[in-house]
């Protein structure tokens, strides 16, 4: 399963960013909400981006906090190569290639963020990751996860998929790109909003909620 995820994203690294807007019906609000939740008086917060890919979410964060010290971690070296091209010349960006759910972290962060990545983990691994995130956040640290979510029933899962299909067909994507995305989504292991909030609370977060949701896309916010 893990190797399939890596292969899928390696193959799509070149076109990932330009396709993302067309593949995500709520692109602007989805990413905009995640970035809006990062509010600090510190002009250079430390941030860990889990499953950072090409650095899309980090780029939005840097537009708001250009001096932020961001560490990007991802399984796909090809995706991180794109991120390195994006952030060429910046000395406030670090890169780690590896499995963020198993990585041995030796630093703490003001924020841990992620976008469209954690849904690839098993439900057990999601819950374990949330505990890891809690442990590597500083005393008032915050976790922001913009990700896919499961519906409360198979009816809603089917409905969300229908809406997504209609959206990508109307987006102008090529049939090849749409089919590649469909194949990648076969590897998804979405979890419900309720379960993810419960896992965040069990991990120790004092406050946790899904602050934005459209169909099967949601933005979670958790605070120590």
N, C-alpha and C. Protein backbone atom coordinates (compact mmCIF):
# COMPACT_ATOMS: atom_id res chain seq x y z
N UNK A 1 0.83 -1.21 0.00
CA UNK A 1 0.00 0.00 0.00
C UNK A 1 0.86 1.25 0.00
N UNK A 2 1.86 1.31 0.89
CA UNK A 2 2.72 2.48 0.98
C UNK A 2 3.48 2.71 -0.32
N UNK A 3 3.98 1.64 -0.92
CA UNK A 3 4.71 1.77 -2.18
C UNK A 3 3.79 2.26 -3.29
N UNK A 4 2.53 1.84 -3.28
CA UNK A 4 1.58 2.29 -4.29
C UNK A 4 1.33 3.78 -4.17
N UNK A 5 1.23 4.28 -2.94
CA UNK A 5 1.03 5.72 -2.72
C UNK A 5 2.22 6.50 -3.25
N UNK A 6 3.45 6.02 -2.94
CA UNK A 6 4.66 6.70 -3.41
C UNK A 6 4.69 6.74 -4.93
N UNK A 7 4.41 5.60 -5.58
CA UNK A 7 4.44 5.54 -7.04
C UNK A 7 3.42 6.50 -7.65
N UNK A 8 2.24 6.55 -7.06
CA UNK A 8 1.20 7.42 -7.58
C UNK A 8 1.59 8.88 -7.55
N UNK A 9 2.20 9.31 -6.45
CA UNK A 9 2.57 10.72 -6.33
C UNK A 9 3.88 11.04 -7.07
N UNK A 10 4.79 10.07 -7.15
CA UNK A 10 5.98 10.28 -7.97
C UNK A 10 5.58 10.54 -9.42
N UNK A 11 4.63 9.75 -9.92
CA UNK A 11 4.21 9.87 -11.31
C UNK A 11 3.52 11.19 -11.59
N UNK A 12 2.91 11.77 -10.55
CA UNK A 12 2.11 12.99 -10.75
C UNK A 12 2.83 14.26 -10.31
N UNK A 13 4.07 14.13 -9.88
CA UNK A 13 4.77 15.28 -9.28
C UNK A 13 4.82 16.50 -10.20
N UNK A 14 5.07 16.26 -11.48
CA UNK A 14 5.26 17.38 -12.41
C UNK A 14 4.00 18.24 -12.56
N UNK A 15 2.84 17.58 -12.55
CA UNK A 15 1.59 18.30 -12.82
C UNK A 15 0.73 18.50 -11.57
N UNK A 16 1.25 18.16 -10.42
CA UNK A 16 0.46 18.13 -9.19
C UNK A 16 -0.23 19.47 -8.90
N UNK A 17 0.52 20.55 -8.91
CA UNK A 17 -0.03 21.84 -8.49
C UNK A 17 -1.10 22.36 -9.45
N UNK A 18 -0.83 22.29 -10.74
CA UNK A 18 -1.79 22.86 -11.68
C UNK A 18 -3.07 22.04 -11.74
N UNK A 19 -2.98 20.74 -11.42
CA UNK A 19 -4.17 19.90 -11.40
C UNK A 19 -4.96 20.05 -10.10
N UNK A 20 -4.26 20.39 -9.02
CA UNK A 20 -4.90 20.39 -7.71
C UNK A 20 -6.13 21.30 -7.66
N UNK A 21 -6.05 22.49 -8.22
CA UNK A 21 -7.19 23.40 -8.19
C UNK A 21 -8.40 22.79 -8.89
N UNK A 22 -8.17 22.07 -9.97
CA UNK A 22 -9.28 21.47 -10.71
C UNK A 22 -9.83 20.23 -10.03
N UNK A 23 -8.99 19.57 -9.24
CA UNK A 23 -9.41 18.34 -8.56
C UNK A 23 -10.10 18.61 -7.23
N UNK A 24 -10.01 19.85 -6.74
CA UNK A 24 -10.55 20.19 -5.44
C UNK A 24 -11.63 21.26 -5.60
N UNK A 25 -12.90 20.89 -5.51
CA UNK A 25 -13.98 21.84 -5.77
C UNK A 25 -13.94 23.08 -4.88
N UNK A 26 -13.40 22.94 -3.67
CA UNK A 26 -13.39 24.04 -2.71
C UNK A 26 -11.97 24.54 -2.46
N UNK A 27 -11.12 24.50 -3.48
CA UNK A 27 -9.70 24.76 -3.35
C UNK A 27 -9.39 26.01 -2.52
N UNK A 28 -9.94 27.16 -2.89
CA UNK A 28 -9.59 28.42 -2.24
C UNK A 28 -9.99 28.45 -0.77
N UNK A 29 -11.21 27.99 -0.47
CA UNK A 29 -11.67 28.01 0.92
C UNK A 29 -10.96 26.95 1.75
N UNK A 30 -10.70 25.82 1.14
CA UNK A 30 -10.01 24.71 1.81
C UNK A 30 -8.63 25.15 2.29
N UNK A 31 -7.80 25.62 1.37
CA UNK A 31 -6.46 26.06 1.74
C UNK A 31 -6.50 27.39 2.50
N UNK A 32 -7.42 28.25 2.11
CA UNK A 32 -7.53 29.54 2.78
C UNK A 32 -7.87 29.40 4.25
N UNK A 33 -8.76 28.47 4.57
CA UNK A 33 -9.12 28.23 5.97
C UNK A 33 -7.92 27.72 6.75
N UNK A 34 -7.18 26.78 6.16
CA UNK A 34 -6.01 26.22 6.85
C UNK A 34 -5.00 27.31 7.19
N UNK A 35 -4.74 28.19 6.24
CA UNK A 35 -3.76 29.26 6.47
C UNK A 35 -4.31 30.29 7.45
N UNK A 36 -5.59 30.61 7.35
CA UNK A 36 -6.21 31.58 8.25
C UNK A 36 -6.09 31.16 9.71
N UNK A 37 -6.11 29.86 9.96
CA UNK A 37 -6.04 29.35 11.33
C UNK A 37 -4.67 29.55 11.97
N UNK A 38 -3.67 29.82 11.17
CA UNK A 38 -2.34 30.10 11.72
C UNK A 38 -2.29 31.58 12.08
N UNK A 39 -2.45 31.87 13.35
CA UNK A 39 -2.45 33.25 13.85
C UNK A 39 -1.46 33.35 15.00
N UNK A 40 -0.39 34.11 14.80
CA UNK A 40 0.63 34.24 15.83
C UNK A 40 1.32 35.59 15.73
N UNK A 41 1.79 36.09 16.87
CA UNK A 41 2.57 37.32 16.89
C UNK A 41 4.03 37.06 16.54
N UNK A 42 4.40 35.80 16.51
CA UNK A 42 5.77 35.41 16.18
C UNK A 42 5.96 35.49 14.66
N UNK A 43 6.84 36.37 14.17
CA UNK A 43 7.02 36.50 12.72
C UNK A 43 7.72 35.30 12.09
N UNK A 44 8.32 34.44 12.92
CA UNK A 44 9.06 33.29 12.41
C UNK A 44 8.68 32.02 13.16
N UNK A 45 7.42 31.61 13.08
CA UNK A 45 7.01 30.40 13.78
C UNK A 45 7.67 29.16 13.16
N UNK A 46 7.85 28.13 13.99
CA UNK A 46 8.38 26.87 13.49
C UNK A 46 7.20 25.98 13.10
N UNK A 47 7.28 25.43 11.90
CA UNK A 47 6.14 24.69 11.35
C UNK A 47 6.64 23.40 10.71
N UNK A 48 5.93 22.31 10.97
CA UNK A 48 6.21 21.02 10.33
C UNK A 48 5.05 20.70 9.41
N UNK A 49 5.36 20.46 8.13
CA UNK A 49 4.34 20.16 7.11
C UNK A 49 4.42 18.67 6.79
N UNK A 50 3.41 17.91 7.23
CA UNK A 50 3.38 16.46 7.05
C UNK A 50 2.82 16.10 5.67
N UNK A 51 3.54 15.26 4.94
CA UNK A 51 3.10 14.91 3.59
C UNK A 51 3.08 16.14 2.71
N UNK A 52 4.15 16.92 2.78
CA UNK A 52 4.18 18.26 2.18
C UNK A 52 4.12 18.26 0.66
N UNK A 53 4.50 17.17 0.03
CA UNK A 53 4.45 17.11 -1.42
C UNK A 53 5.30 18.17 -2.08
N UNK A 54 4.71 18.93 -2.98
CA UNK A 54 5.42 19.98 -3.72
C UNK A 54 5.52 21.28 -2.92
N UNK A 55 5.00 21.28 -1.70
CA UNK A 55 5.08 22.47 -0.86
C UNK A 55 3.95 23.46 -1.08
N UNK A 56 2.84 22.99 -1.61
CA UNK A 56 1.72 23.89 -1.92
C UNK A 56 1.18 24.59 -0.67
N UNK A 57 0.86 23.83 0.37
CA UNK A 57 0.35 24.44 1.59
C UNK A 57 1.41 25.35 2.21
N UNK A 58 2.65 24.90 2.25
CA UNK A 58 3.72 25.72 2.82
C UNK A 58 3.89 27.03 2.06
N UNK A 59 3.68 26.99 0.75
CA UNK A 59 3.79 28.22 -0.04
C UNK A 59 2.74 29.23 0.38
N UNK A 60 1.52 28.77 0.63
CA UNK A 60 0.47 29.66 1.10
C UNK A 60 0.80 30.23 2.48
N UNK A 61 1.38 29.39 3.33
CA UNK A 61 1.76 29.85 4.67
C UNK A 61 2.87 30.90 4.58
N UNK A 62 3.84 30.67 3.70
CA UNK A 62 4.94 31.61 3.55
C UNK A 62 4.48 32.95 2.98
N UNK A 63 3.40 32.96 2.25
CA UNK A 63 2.85 34.23 1.76
C UNK A 63 2.35 35.07 2.93
N UNK A 64 1.93 34.40 4.00
CA UNK A 64 1.44 35.09 5.20
C UNK A 64 2.57 35.34 6.19
N UNK A 65 3.45 34.36 6.36
CA UNK A 65 4.59 34.46 7.29
C UNK A 65 5.87 34.13 6.52
N UNK A 66 6.42 35.09 5.78
CA UNK A 66 7.58 34.81 4.92
C UNK A 66 8.82 34.37 5.68
N UNK A 67 8.89 34.66 6.99
CA UNK A 67 10.05 34.27 7.79
C UNK A 67 9.83 32.99 8.58
N UNK A 68 8.70 32.33 8.35
CA UNK A 68 8.43 31.08 9.05
C UNK A 68 9.52 30.06 8.75
N UNK A 69 9.88 29.28 9.74
CA UNK A 69 10.85 28.19 9.57
C UNK A 69 10.08 26.89 9.39
N UNK A 70 10.06 26.41 8.16
CA UNK A 70 9.20 25.28 7.81
C UNK A 70 10.03 24.05 7.46
N UNK A 71 9.64 22.93 8.03
CA UNK A 71 10.22 21.63 7.68
C UNK A 71 9.19 20.85 6.89
N UNK A 72 9.55 20.43 5.68
CA UNK A 72 8.67 19.64 4.83
C UNK A 72 9.12 18.19 4.89
N UNK A 73 8.18 17.29 5.15
CA UNK A 73 8.50 15.86 5.14
C UNK A 73 7.53 15.14 4.22
N UNK A 74 8.06 14.26 3.38
CA UNK A 74 7.22 13.52 2.43
C UNK A 74 7.94 12.23 2.04
N UNK A 75 7.14 11.24 1.64
CA UNK A 75 7.69 9.98 1.18
C UNK A 75 8.30 10.09 -0.21
N UNK A 76 7.74 10.96 -1.03
CA UNK A 76 8.11 11.05 -2.44
C UNK A 76 9.26 12.03 -2.66
N UNK A 77 10.39 11.52 -3.08
CA UNK A 77 11.53 12.38 -3.37
C UNK A 77 11.23 13.30 -4.56
N UNK A 78 10.47 12.78 -5.52
CA UNK A 78 10.16 13.59 -6.70
C UNK A 78 9.27 14.78 -6.33
N UNK A 79 8.35 14.57 -5.41
CA UNK A 79 7.50 15.68 -4.96
C UNK A 79 8.35 16.72 -4.22
N UNK A 80 9.26 16.25 -3.38
CA UNK A 80 10.12 17.19 -2.65
C UNK A 80 11.08 17.92 -3.59
N UNK A 81 11.46 17.27 -4.69
CA UNK A 81 12.28 17.96 -5.67
C UNK A 81 11.54 19.18 -6.23
N UNK A 82 10.25 19.01 -6.45
CA UNK A 82 9.44 20.14 -6.92
C UNK A 82 9.36 21.22 -5.85
N UNK A 83 9.27 20.80 -4.59
CA UNK A 83 9.24 21.78 -3.50
C UNK A 83 10.55 22.55 -3.44
N UNK A 84 11.66 21.85 -3.63
CA UNK A 84 12.97 22.52 -3.59
C UNK A 84 13.09 23.54 -4.72
N UNK A 85 12.52 23.22 -5.88
CA UNK A 85 12.50 24.19 -6.98
C UNK A 85 11.65 25.40 -6.61
N UNK A 86 10.52 25.15 -5.99
CA UNK A 86 9.61 26.22 -5.60
C UNK A 86 10.26 27.18 -4.61
N UNK A 87 11.00 26.61 -3.65
CA UNK A 87 11.56 27.43 -2.57
C UNK A 87 13.07 27.68 -2.75
N UNK A 88 13.57 27.56 -3.96
CA UNK A 88 14.99 27.76 -4.22
C UNK A 88 15.44 29.13 -3.72
N UNK A 89 16.58 29.13 -3.00
CA UNK A 89 17.13 30.38 -2.49
C UNK A 89 16.69 30.73 -1.09
N UNK A 90 15.69 30.02 -0.56
CA UNK A 90 15.24 30.28 0.81
C UNK A 90 16.08 29.47 1.79
N UNK A 91 16.48 30.10 2.89
CA UNK A 91 17.25 29.38 3.89
C UNK A 91 16.42 29.04 5.13
N UNK A 92 15.11 29.27 5.04
CA UNK A 92 14.24 28.96 6.18
C UNK A 92 13.37 27.73 5.91
N UNK A 93 13.78 26.90 4.93
CA UNK A 93 13.04 25.69 4.59
C UNK A 93 13.97 24.49 4.71
N UNK A 94 13.46 23.43 5.35
CA UNK A 94 14.20 22.16 5.45
C UNK A 94 13.37 21.06 4.84
N UNK A 95 14.05 19.99 4.42
CA UNK A 95 13.37 18.88 3.74
C UNK A 95 13.76 17.55 4.36
N UNK A 96 12.77 16.71 4.57
CA UNK A 96 12.99 15.37 5.09
C UNK A 96 12.26 14.38 4.19
N UNK A 97 12.95 13.36 3.73
CA UNK A 97 12.31 12.31 2.95
C UNK A 97 12.07 11.11 3.86
N UNK A 98 10.81 10.75 4.03
CA UNK A 98 10.51 9.62 4.90
C UNK A 98 9.04 9.53 5.24
N UNK A 99 8.72 8.52 6.01
CA UNK A 99 7.35 8.25 6.44
C UNK A 99 7.09 9.06 7.71
N UNK A 100 6.31 10.11 7.60
CA UNK A 100 6.11 10.99 8.76
C UNK A 100 5.38 10.31 9.90
N UNK A 101 4.68 9.22 9.62
CA UNK A 101 3.97 8.52 10.70
C UNK A 101 4.90 7.66 11.54
N UNK A 102 6.11 7.39 11.02
CA UNK A 102 7.07 6.55 11.73
C UNK A 102 8.36 7.30 12.07
N UNK A 103 8.47 8.54 11.66
CA UNK A 103 9.71 9.29 11.82
C UNK A 103 9.99 9.61 13.29
N UNK A 104 11.29 9.57 13.65
CA UNK A 104 11.68 9.91 15.02
C UNK A 104 12.05 11.39 15.08
N UNK A 105 11.12 12.20 15.53
CA UNK A 105 11.32 13.64 15.57
C UNK A 105 12.14 14.03 16.80
N UNK A 106 13.04 14.98 16.62
CA UNK A 106 13.86 15.45 17.74
C UNK A 106 13.72 16.95 17.97
N UNK A 107 12.67 17.54 17.39
CA UNK A 107 12.39 18.96 17.59
C UNK A 107 10.92 19.14 17.95
N UNK A 108 10.60 20.32 18.47
CA UNK A 108 9.21 20.67 18.71
C UNK A 108 8.86 21.87 17.84
N UNK A 109 7.55 22.05 17.61
CA UNK A 109 7.08 23.03 16.65
C UNK A 109 5.93 23.86 17.21
N UNK A 110 5.80 25.07 16.68
CA UNK A 110 4.65 25.90 17.03
C UNK A 110 3.39 25.38 16.36
N UNK A 111 3.56 24.91 15.13
CA UNK A 111 2.43 24.38 14.36
C UNK A 111 2.86 23.11 13.63
N UNK A 112 1.95 22.16 13.57
CA UNK A 112 2.09 21.04 12.66
C UNK A 112 0.90 21.14 11.70
N UNK A 113 1.18 21.07 10.41
CA UNK A 113 0.13 21.21 9.41
C UNK A 113 0.21 20.03 8.44
N UNK A 114 -0.88 19.82 7.73
CA UNK A 114 -0.91 18.78 6.71
C UNK A 114 -2.06 19.06 5.76
N UNK A 115 -1.89 18.67 4.51
CA UNK A 115 -3.00 18.81 3.56
C UNK A 115 -3.06 17.60 2.63
N UNK A 116 -4.22 16.98 2.60
CA UNK A 116 -4.53 15.89 1.69
C UNK A 116 -3.47 14.78 1.71
N UNK A 117 -3.15 14.34 2.91
CA UNK A 117 -2.14 13.30 3.06
C UNK A 117 -2.52 12.25 4.09
N UNK A 118 -2.98 12.66 5.25
CA UNK A 118 -3.18 11.74 6.37
C UNK A 118 -4.25 10.69 6.06
N UNK A 119 -5.14 10.98 5.12
CA UNK A 119 -6.17 9.99 4.77
C UNK A 119 -5.58 8.73 4.14
N UNK A 120 -4.30 8.75 3.78
CA UNK A 120 -3.67 7.55 3.25
C UNK A 120 -3.31 6.55 4.34
N UNK A 121 -3.29 6.99 5.60
CA UNK A 121 -2.94 6.10 6.71
C UNK A 121 -4.13 5.25 7.12
N UNK A 122 -3.85 4.09 7.71
CA UNK A 122 -4.92 3.29 8.30
C UNK A 122 -5.52 4.07 9.47
N UNK A 123 -6.70 3.68 9.88
CA UNK A 123 -7.35 4.38 10.99
C UNK A 123 -6.50 4.29 12.26
N UNK A 124 -5.92 3.15 12.51
CA UNK A 124 -5.06 2.99 13.69
C UNK A 124 -3.85 3.91 13.61
N UNK A 125 -3.27 4.00 12.42
CA UNK A 125 -2.10 4.86 12.25
C UNK A 125 -2.46 6.34 12.34
N UNK A 126 -3.66 6.71 11.92
CA UNK A 126 -4.09 8.09 12.09
C UNK A 126 -4.13 8.46 13.58
N UNK A 127 -4.77 7.61 14.35
CA UNK A 127 -4.88 7.87 15.79
C UNK A 127 -3.50 7.95 16.44
N UNK A 128 -2.60 7.05 16.03
CA UNK A 128 -1.24 7.07 16.58
C UNK A 128 -0.50 8.34 16.16
N UNK A 129 -0.70 8.76 14.91
CA UNK A 129 -0.04 9.98 14.44
C UNK A 129 -0.49 11.19 15.24
N UNK A 130 -1.78 11.27 15.54
CA UNK A 130 -2.28 12.42 16.30
C UNK A 130 -1.59 12.51 17.67
N UNK A 131 -1.29 11.36 18.26
CA UNK A 131 -0.56 11.36 19.53
C UNK A 131 0.88 11.85 19.33
N UNK A 132 1.48 11.42 18.22
CA UNK A 132 2.83 11.89 17.91
C UNK A 132 2.84 13.40 17.71
N UNK A 133 1.86 13.91 16.96
CA UNK A 133 1.77 15.35 16.71
C UNK A 133 1.63 16.11 18.02
N UNK A 134 0.78 15.62 18.91
CA UNK A 134 0.60 16.27 20.21
C UNK A 134 1.94 16.36 20.94
N UNK A 135 2.72 15.30 20.87
CA UNK A 135 3.99 15.25 21.59
C UNK A 135 5.06 16.17 21.03
N UNK A 136 5.00 16.51 19.74
CA UNK A 136 6.06 17.34 19.15
C UNK A 136 5.63 18.80 19.01
N UNK A 137 4.45 19.13 19.51
CA UNK A 137 4.02 20.52 19.53
C UNK A 137 4.49 21.20 20.82
N UNK A 138 4.82 22.46 20.72
CA UNK A 138 5.18 23.23 21.90
C UNK A 138 3.96 23.43 22.78
N UNK A 139 4.16 24.03 23.94
CA UNK A 139 3.12 24.11 24.97
C UNK A 139 1.78 24.67 24.50
N UNK A 140 1.80 25.65 23.61
CA UNK A 140 0.56 26.21 23.09
C UNK A 140 0.41 25.90 21.60
N UNK A 141 1.04 24.79 21.18
CA UNK A 141 1.06 24.44 19.77
C UNK A 141 -0.29 24.06 19.21
N UNK A 142 -0.37 24.12 17.89
CA UNK A 142 -1.63 23.85 17.20
C UNK A 142 -1.40 22.96 15.99
N UNK A 143 -2.40 22.15 15.70
CA UNK A 143 -2.36 21.19 14.59
C UNK A 143 -3.49 21.52 13.63
N UNK A 144 -3.15 21.69 12.35
CA UNK A 144 -4.14 22.02 11.33
C UNK A 144 -4.03 20.98 10.23
N UNK A 145 -5.11 20.26 10.00
CA UNK A 145 -5.13 19.19 9.03
C UNK A 145 -6.26 19.40 8.02
N UNK A 146 -5.89 19.73 6.80
CA UNK A 146 -6.87 19.89 5.71
C UNK A 146 -6.85 18.59 4.91
N UNK A 147 -7.95 17.86 4.94
CA UNK A 147 -7.88 16.49 4.42
C UNK A 147 -9.24 16.02 3.92
N UNK A 148 -9.23 14.82 3.35
CA UNK A 148 -10.47 14.17 2.97
C UNK A 148 -11.11 13.51 4.19
N UNK A 149 -12.43 13.40 4.17
CA UNK A 149 -13.15 12.78 5.27
C UNK A 149 -14.19 11.81 4.71
N UNK A 150 -14.54 10.84 5.54
CA UNK A 150 -15.60 9.90 5.17
C UNK A 150 -16.95 10.46 5.57
N UNK A 151 -17.99 10.05 4.85
CA UNK A 151 -19.34 10.40 5.24
C UNK A 151 -19.81 9.55 6.40
N UNK A 152 -20.98 9.87 6.90
CA UNK A 152 -21.52 9.11 8.02
C UNK A 152 -22.17 7.79 7.58
N UNK A 153 -22.28 7.59 6.28
CA UNK A 153 -22.86 6.36 5.76
C UNK A 153 -22.40 6.17 4.32
N UNK A 154 -22.65 4.98 3.79
CA UNK A 154 -22.29 4.71 2.40
C UNK A 154 -23.07 5.61 1.44
N UNK A 155 -24.28 5.99 1.84
CA UNK A 155 -25.07 6.91 1.01
C UNK A 155 -24.32 8.22 0.79
N UNK A 156 -23.79 8.79 1.88
CA UNK A 156 -23.09 10.06 1.75
C UNK A 156 -21.75 9.90 1.04
N UNK A 157 -21.06 8.79 1.28
CA UNK A 157 -19.81 8.56 0.55
C UNK A 157 -20.07 8.54 -0.96
N UNK A 158 -21.14 7.86 -1.35
CA UNK A 158 -21.48 7.80 -2.78
C UNK A 158 -21.89 9.17 -3.30
N UNK A 159 -22.64 9.91 -2.50
CA UNK A 159 -23.07 11.24 -2.91
C UNK A 159 -21.87 12.17 -3.09
N UNK A 160 -20.93 12.13 -2.14
CA UNK A 160 -19.74 12.98 -2.23
C UNK A 160 -18.93 12.63 -3.48
N UNK A 161 -18.81 11.34 -3.77
CA UNK A 161 -18.05 10.93 -4.94
C UNK A 161 -18.74 11.41 -6.22
N UNK A 162 -20.07 11.36 -6.26
CA UNK A 162 -20.79 11.86 -7.42
C UNK A 162 -20.54 13.36 -7.64
N UNK A 163 -20.54 14.11 -6.54
CA UNK A 163 -20.30 15.55 -6.65
C UNK A 163 -18.88 15.84 -7.12
N UNK A 164 -17.93 15.06 -6.63
CA UNK A 164 -16.54 15.23 -7.04
C UNK A 164 -16.37 14.90 -8.52
N UNK A 165 -16.99 13.80 -8.96
CA UNK A 165 -16.92 13.41 -10.36
C UNK A 165 -17.50 14.50 -11.26
N UNK A 166 -18.63 15.05 -10.86
CA UNK A 166 -19.25 16.11 -11.66
C UNK A 166 -18.34 17.33 -11.73
N UNK A 167 -17.68 17.63 -10.63
CA UNK A 167 -16.81 18.80 -10.57
C UNK A 167 -15.58 18.63 -11.47
N UNK A 168 -14.94 17.47 -11.41
CA UNK A 168 -13.72 17.30 -12.21
C UNK A 168 -14.07 17.18 -13.70
N UNK A 169 -15.24 16.63 -14.03
CA UNK A 169 -15.62 16.55 -15.44
C UNK A 169 -15.84 17.94 -16.02
N UNK A 170 -16.29 18.87 -15.17
CA UNK A 170 -16.55 20.24 -15.63
C UNK A 170 -15.32 21.13 -15.54
N UNK A 171 -14.21 20.60 -15.01
CA UNK A 171 -13.04 21.43 -14.72
C UNK A 171 -12.13 21.68 -15.90
N UNK A 172 -12.26 20.86 -16.93
CA UNK A 172 -11.36 21.00 -18.07
C UNK A 172 -10.16 20.07 -18.02
N UNK A 173 -10.08 19.23 -16.99
CA UNK A 173 -9.00 18.25 -16.92
C UNK A 173 -9.10 17.25 -18.07
N UNK A 174 -7.96 16.75 -18.49
CA UNK A 174 -7.97 15.71 -19.51
C UNK A 174 -8.51 14.42 -18.92
N UNK A 175 -9.00 13.55 -19.76
CA UNK A 175 -9.49 12.26 -19.30
C UNK A 175 -8.37 11.46 -18.63
N UNK A 176 -7.17 11.61 -19.15
CA UNK A 176 -6.02 10.91 -18.56
C UNK A 176 -5.77 11.37 -17.13
N UNK A 177 -5.83 12.68 -16.90
CA UNK A 177 -5.60 13.22 -15.56
C UNK A 177 -6.72 12.81 -14.61
N UNK A 178 -7.95 12.82 -15.10
CA UNK A 178 -9.07 12.40 -14.26
C UNK A 178 -8.95 10.93 -13.87
N UNK A 179 -8.58 10.10 -14.81
CA UNK A 179 -8.45 8.68 -14.52
C UNK A 179 -7.29 8.42 -13.56
N UNK A 180 -6.21 9.16 -13.70
CA UNK A 180 -5.08 9.00 -12.78
C UNK A 180 -5.51 9.37 -11.36
N UNK A 181 -6.32 10.41 -11.22
CA UNK A 181 -6.81 10.80 -9.90
C UNK A 181 -7.76 9.75 -9.34
N UNK A 182 -8.61 9.20 -10.18
CA UNK A 182 -9.51 8.13 -9.72
C UNK A 182 -8.72 6.95 -9.19
N UNK A 183 -7.65 6.60 -9.89
CA UNK A 183 -6.84 5.47 -9.46
C UNK A 183 -6.15 5.77 -8.12
N UNK A 184 -5.67 7.01 -7.95
CA UNK A 184 -5.04 7.37 -6.68
C UNK A 184 -6.05 7.32 -5.55
N UNK A 185 -7.28 7.73 -5.82
CA UNK A 185 -8.29 7.74 -4.77
C UNK A 185 -8.72 6.35 -4.33
N UNK A 186 -8.41 5.35 -5.11
CA UNK A 186 -8.69 3.98 -4.70
C UNK A 186 -7.85 3.58 -3.50
N UNK A 187 -6.77 4.31 -3.27
CA UNK A 187 -5.88 4.01 -2.13
C UNK A 187 -6.29 4.77 -0.87
N UNK A 188 -7.30 5.63 -0.98
CA UNK A 188 -7.72 6.46 0.15
C UNK A 188 -8.34 5.61 1.27
N UNK A 189 -8.08 6.03 2.51
CA UNK A 189 -8.69 5.38 3.67
C UNK A 189 -9.29 6.51 4.52
N UNK A 190 -10.37 7.06 4.05
CA UNK A 190 -10.95 8.22 4.74
C UNK A 190 -11.54 7.83 6.09
N UNK A 191 -11.50 8.76 7.02
CA UNK A 191 -12.10 8.57 8.35
C UNK A 191 -13.14 9.66 8.57
N UNK A 192 -14.13 9.36 9.37
CA UNK A 192 -15.21 10.32 9.61
C UNK A 192 -14.73 11.50 10.44
N UNK A 193 -15.47 12.59 10.35
CA UNK A 193 -15.19 13.76 11.18
C UNK A 193 -15.24 13.38 12.65
N UNK A 194 -16.28 12.64 13.04
CA UNK A 194 -16.46 12.25 14.45
C UNK A 194 -15.26 11.47 14.96
N UNK A 195 -14.82 10.48 14.19
CA UNK A 195 -13.70 9.65 14.64
C UNK A 195 -12.42 10.47 14.77
N UNK A 196 -12.18 11.35 13.82
CA UNK A 196 -10.94 12.13 13.87
C UNK A 196 -10.92 13.10 15.05
N UNK A 197 -12.05 13.71 15.33
CA UNK A 197 -12.11 14.59 16.50
C UNK A 197 -11.89 13.78 17.78
N UNK A 198 -12.49 12.60 17.84
CA UNK A 198 -12.31 11.74 19.01
C UNK A 198 -10.84 11.35 19.18
N UNK A 199 -10.16 11.00 18.09
CA UNK A 199 -8.75 10.62 18.17
C UNK A 199 -7.90 11.81 18.61
N UNK A 200 -8.24 13.00 18.15
CA UNK A 200 -7.50 14.20 18.56
C UNK A 200 -7.67 14.45 20.06
N UNK A 201 -8.89 14.28 20.55
CA UNK A 201 -9.14 14.46 21.97
C UNK A 201 -8.41 13.40 22.79
N UNK A 202 -8.43 12.17 22.31
CA UNK A 202 -7.74 11.09 23.01
C UNK A 202 -6.24 11.30 23.01
N UNK A 203 -5.73 11.98 21.99
CA UNK A 203 -4.30 12.28 21.92
C UNK A 203 -3.89 13.32 22.96
N UNK A 204 -4.88 14.07 23.48
CA UNK A 204 -4.58 15.05 24.52
C UNK A 204 -4.92 16.48 24.18
N UNK A 205 -5.38 16.74 22.96
CA UNK A 205 -5.70 18.11 22.58
C UNK A 205 -6.89 18.63 23.40
N UNK A 206 -6.73 19.85 23.91
CA UNK A 206 -7.77 20.45 24.74
C UNK A 206 -8.98 20.87 23.90
N UNK A 207 -8.72 21.31 22.69
CA UNK A 207 -9.79 21.75 21.78
C UNK A 207 -9.55 21.15 20.41
N UNK A 208 -10.59 20.61 19.82
CA UNK A 208 -10.47 20.02 18.49
C UNK A 208 -11.82 20.07 17.79
N UNK A 209 -11.80 20.46 16.52
CA UNK A 209 -13.05 20.51 15.77
C UNK A 209 -12.74 20.51 14.28
N UNK A 210 -13.76 20.22 13.48
CA UNK A 210 -13.69 20.38 12.04
C UNK A 210 -14.31 21.74 11.74
N UNK A 211 -13.50 22.69 11.34
CA UNK A 211 -13.96 24.08 11.23
C UNK A 211 -14.46 24.42 9.83
N UNK A 212 -14.19 23.54 8.87
CA UNK A 212 -14.72 23.71 7.52
C UNK A 212 -14.96 22.34 6.91
N UNK A 213 -16.08 22.19 6.21
CA UNK A 213 -16.34 20.93 5.51
C UNK A 213 -17.20 21.20 4.28
N UNK A 214 -16.78 20.65 3.16
CA UNK A 214 -17.58 20.64 1.95
C UNK A 214 -17.48 19.26 1.33
N UNK A 215 -18.61 18.56 1.32
CA UNK A 215 -18.63 17.18 0.85
C UNK A 215 -17.60 16.36 1.63
N UNK A 216 -16.63 15.72 0.95
CA UNK A 216 -15.67 14.88 1.68
C UNK A 216 -14.32 15.57 1.84
N UNK A 217 -14.35 16.90 1.97
CA UNK A 217 -13.14 17.67 2.26
C UNK A 217 -13.36 18.49 3.52
N UNK A 218 -12.43 18.39 4.47
CA UNK A 218 -12.61 19.11 5.73
C UNK A 218 -11.30 19.67 6.25
N UNK A 219 -11.40 20.68 7.08
CA UNK A 219 -10.22 21.27 7.72
C UNK A 219 -10.39 21.14 9.23
N UNK A 220 -9.46 20.44 9.86
CA UNK A 220 -9.49 20.21 11.31
C UNK A 220 -8.50 21.15 12.00
N UNK A 221 -8.90 21.57 13.19
CA UNK A 221 -8.05 22.45 14.00
C UNK A 221 -8.02 21.89 15.42
N UNK A 222 -6.82 21.71 15.95
CA UNK A 222 -6.67 21.17 17.31
C UNK A 222 -5.61 21.98 18.05
N UNK A 223 -5.89 22.27 19.31
CA UNK A 223 -5.01 23.12 20.12
C UNK A 223 -4.67 22.42 21.43
N UNK A 224 -3.38 22.48 21.83
CA UNK A 224 -2.97 21.85 23.09
C UNK A 224 -3.56 22.62 24.26
